[in-house]
Protein backbone atom coordinates (compact mmCIF):
# COMPACT_ATOMS: atom_id res chain seq x y z
CA MET A 1 -16.48 -0.15 18.63
CA LYS A 2 -12.96 0.85 17.65
CA PRO A 3 -11.75 -1.23 14.67
CA ALA A 4 -8.70 -3.42 15.13
CA LEU A 5 -7.60 -2.87 11.53
CA SER A 6 -7.75 0.05 9.10
CA VAL A 7 -7.40 -0.62 5.37
CA ILE A 8 -6.53 2.60 3.51
CA ILE A 9 -7.08 2.76 -0.25
CA PRO A 10 -5.73 5.90 -1.99
CA CYS A 11 -7.60 6.36 -5.24
CA ARG A 12 -7.82 8.78 -8.15
CA ASN A 13 -10.28 8.04 -10.97
CA GLY A 14 -10.50 4.43 -9.87
CA THR A 15 -13.94 3.27 -10.93
CA ASN A 16 -12.46 0.62 -13.21
CA TYR A 17 -10.89 -1.49 -10.44
CA LEU A 18 -11.98 -0.12 -7.06
CA ALA A 19 -14.95 -2.43 -6.54
CA GLU A 20 -12.75 -5.49 -7.00
CA ALA A 21 -10.22 -4.19 -4.48
CA VAL A 22 -12.89 -3.40 -1.87
CA THR A 23 -14.60 -6.75 -2.41
CA SER A 24 -11.30 -8.52 -1.78
CA VAL A 25 -11.18 -6.78 1.61
CA ARG A 26 -14.84 -7.37 2.46
CA GLU A 27 -14.53 -11.10 1.78
CA GLN A 28 -11.67 -11.59 4.25
CA ALA A 29 -12.40 -14.04 7.07
CA LEU A 30 -11.28 -12.13 10.16
CA ASP A 31 -11.33 -12.55 13.90
CA SER A 32 -11.09 -8.75 14.22
CA SER A 33 -13.17 -5.76 13.14
CA LEU A 34 -12.00 -3.51 10.31
CA GLU A 35 -12.71 -0.24 8.55
CA ILE A 36 -12.07 0.58 4.89
CA ILE A 37 -11.07 4.17 4.13
CA VAL A 38 -10.98 5.31 0.52
CA VAL A 39 -9.09 8.58 0.04
CA ASP A 40 -10.46 10.19 -3.10
CA ASP A 41 -7.47 12.11 -4.45
CA GLY A 42 -9.25 14.74 -6.56
CA SER A 43 -11.03 12.27 -8.85
CA THR A 44 -12.94 13.63 -11.83
CA ASP A 45 -15.09 10.52 -12.12
CA SER A 46 -17.53 8.90 -9.67
CA THR A 47 -14.89 7.27 -7.48
CA ALA A 48 -16.25 8.80 -4.26
CA ASP A 49 -19.85 7.77 -4.99
CA LEU A 50 -18.76 4.24 -5.85
CA ALA A 51 -16.74 3.95 -2.65
CA ARG A 52 -19.70 5.10 -0.55
CA SER A 53 -21.98 2.62 -2.29
CA LEU A 54 -19.49 -0.10 -1.30
CA GLY A 55 -19.78 0.89 2.35
CA CYS A 56 -16.39 2.58 2.66
CA THR A 57 -15.55 5.68 4.63
CA VAL A 58 -14.66 8.29 2.03
CA VAL A 59 -12.31 11.23 2.56
CA SER A 60 -12.00 13.57 -0.43
CA ILE A 61 -9.05 15.88 -1.00
CA PRO A 62 -7.89 18.05 -3.93
CA HIS A 63 -5.52 16.11 -6.19
CA SER A 64 -2.34 15.97 -4.09
CA GLY A 65 -0.58 12.70 -4.89
CA LEU A 66 -0.02 9.34 -3.24
CA SER A 67 1.85 10.55 -0.14
CA ALA A 68 -0.80 13.11 0.75
CA ALA A 69 -3.56 10.55 0.17
CA ARG A 70 -1.86 8.04 2.45
CA ASN A 71 -1.28 10.68 5.12
CA THR A 72 -4.91 11.76 4.90
CA GLY A 73 -6.03 8.17 5.35
CA LEU A 74 -3.76 7.79 8.37
CA ALA A 75 -5.27 10.89 9.97
CA ALA A 76 -8.75 9.39 9.60
CA ALA A 77 -7.85 5.83 10.61
CA GLN A 78 -8.97 4.46 13.97
CA GLY A 79 -7.50 0.95 13.88
CA ASP A 80 -4.71 -0.47 16.00
CA CYS A 81 -3.08 -1.78 12.80
CA THR A 82 -2.92 -0.29 9.30
CA LEU A 83 -2.67 -1.75 5.81
CA PHE A 84 -2.44 0.22 2.56
CA LEU A 85 -3.97 -1.25 -0.60
CA ASP A 86 -3.74 0.18 -4.11
CA HIS A 87 -7.16 0.51 -5.70
CA ASP A 88 -6.18 -1.68 -8.66
CA ASP A 89 -4.85 -4.60 -6.61
CA ARG A 90 -6.68 -7.29 -4.67
CA LEU A 91 -6.02 -9.13 -1.44
CA ARG A 92 -5.86 -12.89 -1.46
CA PRO A 93 -8.32 -14.83 0.73
CA GLY A 94 -7.05 -14.99 4.30
CA ALA A 95 -4.45 -12.28 3.71
CA LEU A 96 -5.43 -9.98 6.57
CA GLN A 97 -5.62 -12.73 9.18
CA THR A 98 -2.25 -14.07 7.99
CA LEU A 99 -0.68 -10.63 8.45
CA LEU A 100 -2.37 -10.05 11.82
CA ASP A 101 -1.26 -13.43 13.15
CA ALA A 102 2.31 -12.82 11.97
CA LEU A 103 2.38 -9.38 13.58
CA ASP A 104 1.00 -10.76 16.85
CA ALA A 105 3.77 -13.37 16.85
CA ALA A 106 6.49 -10.81 16.06
CA GLU A 107 7.22 -9.44 19.51
CA ASP A 108 10.35 -7.68 18.26
CA ALA A 109 8.71 -6.05 15.22
CA ASP A 110 6.02 -3.45 14.52
CA MET A 111 5.84 -4.17 10.78
CA VAL A 112 5.35 -7.42 8.93
CA LEU A 113 6.02 -7.86 5.19
CA ALA A 114 4.50 -10.65 3.10
CA ARG A 115 4.86 -11.38 -0.61
CA ALA A 116 3.06 -10.19 -3.74
CA GLN A 117 2.30 -11.86 -7.07
CA ASP A 118 1.92 -10.03 -10.39
CA PHE A 119 -1.00 -10.64 -12.72
CA VAL A 120 -1.91 -9.06 -16.05
CA SER A 121 -5.24 -7.23 -16.02
CA PRO A 122 -7.63 -9.38 -18.07
CA GLU A 123 -9.09 -6.53 -20.14
CA LEU A 124 -5.77 -5.93 -21.93
CA GLY A 125 -5.49 -7.04 -25.53
CA GLU A 126 -2.67 -9.26 -26.72
CA GLU A 127 -0.57 -6.34 -27.99
CA GLU A 128 -1.06 -4.45 -24.72
CA LYS A 129 -0.12 -7.52 -22.69
CA ARG A 130 3.23 -7.64 -24.46
CA LYS A 131 4.00 -4.15 -23.12
CA VAL A 132 3.91 -5.16 -19.48
CA VAL A 133 6.69 -7.02 -17.67
CA VAL A 134 5.45 -9.68 -15.29
CA ARG A 135 7.66 -11.01 -12.53
CA PRO A 136 7.02 -14.76 -12.78
CA GLU A 137 7.80 -15.53 -9.13
CA PRO A 138 6.29 -14.04 -5.96
CA TYR A 139 8.32 -11.27 -4.31
CA HIS A 140 8.34 -9.24 -1.13
CA GLY A 141 6.32 -6.26 -2.34
CA LEU A 142 6.99 -3.01 -0.56
CA MET A 143 3.96 -1.66 1.27
CA SER A 144 0.70 -1.94 -0.58
CA GLY A 145 -1.31 -5.01 0.31
CA ALA A 146 1.74 -6.87 1.60
CA MET A 147 2.67 -4.92 4.73
CA LEU A 148 0.87 -4.47 8.03
CA PHE A 149 1.86 -1.82 10.59
CA ARG A 150 1.15 -1.34 14.24
CA ARG A 151 -0.16 2.17 14.82
CA PRO A 152 2.83 3.33 16.94
CA VAL A 153 4.98 3.16 13.79
CA PHE A 154 3.30 6.35 12.60
CA GLU A 155 4.03 8.08 15.88
CA ARG A 156 7.76 7.52 15.33
CA VAL A 157 7.84 8.08 11.56
CA LYS A 158 5.65 11.04 10.69
CA GLY A 159 3.96 9.83 7.54
CA PHE A 160 5.00 9.99 3.91
CA ASP A 161 7.04 12.75 2.27
CA GLU A 162 4.53 14.76 0.24
CA ALA A 163 7.30 16.47 -1.71
CA ARG A 164 8.17 13.16 -3.40
CA ALA A 165 6.39 12.17 -6.60
CA THR A 166 7.87 8.66 -6.44
CA ALA A 167 9.87 6.44 -4.05
CA GLN A 168 7.67 7.45 -1.13
CA THR A 169 7.54 3.89 0.13
CA LEU A 170 11.30 3.33 0.12
CA ASP A 171 11.82 6.69 1.83
CA PHE A 172 9.30 5.79 4.55
CA LEU A 173 10.82 2.37 5.16
CA GLN A 174 14.33 3.83 5.39
CA GLN A 175 13.07 6.30 7.99
CA ALA A 176 11.45 3.44 9.90
CA GLN A 177 14.70 1.48 9.86
CA GLN A 178 16.64 4.52 11.08
CA ALA A 179 14.10 4.90 13.90
CA GLY A 180 14.86 1.35 15.00
CA ILE A 181 11.46 -0.08 14.06
CA GLY A 182 11.66 -3.83 13.56
CA MET A 183 10.24 -5.57 10.47
CA ARG A 184 9.54 -9.27 10.03
CA LYS A 185 9.36 -10.87 6.57
CA ILE A 186 7.04 -13.81 5.98
CA ASP A 187 6.59 -16.13 3.00
CA PRO A 188 2.81 -16.14 2.31
CA ILE A 189 1.46 -14.23 -0.68
CA THR A 190 -1.13 -11.70 0.49
CA VAL A 191 -1.77 -9.51 -2.55
CA ASP A 192 -2.18 -9.86 -6.30
CA ARG A 193 -0.60 -6.87 -8.04
CA ARG A 194 -2.47 -5.87 -11.18
CA LEU A 195 -0.35 -4.89 -14.19
CA HIS A 196 -1.94 -2.58 -16.74
CA LEU A 197 -0.84 0.28 -18.95
CA THR A 198 -1.35 3.07 -16.42
CA ASN A 199 0.38 1.67 -13.30
CA MET A 200 2.27 4.47 -11.56
CA GLY A 201 5.40 2.32 -11.61
CA ARG A 202 5.09 2.17 -15.40
CA THR A 203 4.10 5.75 -16.21
CA MET A 204 6.77 7.20 -13.87
CA GLN A 205 9.33 4.42 -14.25
CA HIS A 206 12.35 6.57 -15.12
CA GLN A 207 11.70 9.12 -12.36
CA GLU A 208 11.13 6.33 -9.84
CA GLY A 209 14.42 4.71 -10.80
CA ARG A 210 16.29 7.97 -10.29
CA ASP A 211 14.59 8.61 -6.95
CA HIS A 212 15.32 5.11 -5.67
CA ALA A 213 18.98 5.49 -6.65
CA SER A 214 19.15 8.85 -4.89
CA LEU A 215 17.67 7.43 -1.69
CA LEU A 216 20.10 4.53 -1.71
CA ARG A 217 23.03 6.92 -2.15
CA GLU A 218 21.75 8.99 0.81
CA ARG A 219 21.52 5.83 2.88
CA LEU A 220 25.09 4.82 2.04
CA ARG A 221 26.40 8.29 2.87
CA GLY A 222 24.55 8.17 6.20
CA ALA A 223 26.04 4.76 7.00
CA LYS A 224 29.55 6.02 6.26
CA ARG A 225 29.06 9.06 8.53
CA ARG A 226 27.89 6.82 11.38
CA ASN A 227 30.93 4.60 10.95
C-alpha cells in the first residue's frame, strides 16, 4: 500500500542521535500510513546499519551535503505528503497528525509550517552548555520537523540547490513563494530542536549568515524589477 506520508531523515555519522529521532516518528499516533527514509550521506560509522535495524528504508550516497541528501530522499519517497527531519531532532507526540490535519484544512496552501522549540542536548557538560544559545520561546522553524508538504510542491520547485552549502531551506522556500505555492502557519509546536556543539547552524554560522543575506538581497532586487 502506498504510504500517505514520507518522513525523510538526511544523516551523516548520526549514530549518537538517530535512534531517538526515528523513535519519535515511530511513536506517532496516526490515521495514515507512513514510511521513514534515512539518506546515509557518506557516513563513516554504522549509521546505515542502525537505520536498517530501526526498520527504515536506507538510501546510501557518497558524501554530498544536505541538499543532495534531501533530493535523494525525495526521489525515493512514495508518500502523498513529505516531512524532513534532522537526525538529531525529535518530533513531539501527535506532531504528524497535527500537521496532516492542518494541511487537509488548508485548501489554499500546499505547505503548512508549525513551530519548533530548542532544547540543550543532555550529554553536554556545564561549560559546553554555556556555548550554545537557546531561544527561550517557540518559533516557526523553517523546514525540518516543522513543515509538511504536499507532493505537487516538488513538481513545481525542483528540489534543493546542491551548489549551496548553507541557506538551502530559505532558497527553496523563496522559490516556492515565487511559484505561487501557498503556505499556512500554525501555532502548535511539532519538533524539539536539539542544540549541541556540532549543529550545522553552529559550525557554519558565519557562512549561513552571509548566504541568507545574499538571498534576501536577491529577493529584494527581484521585487524591485517586478515593480
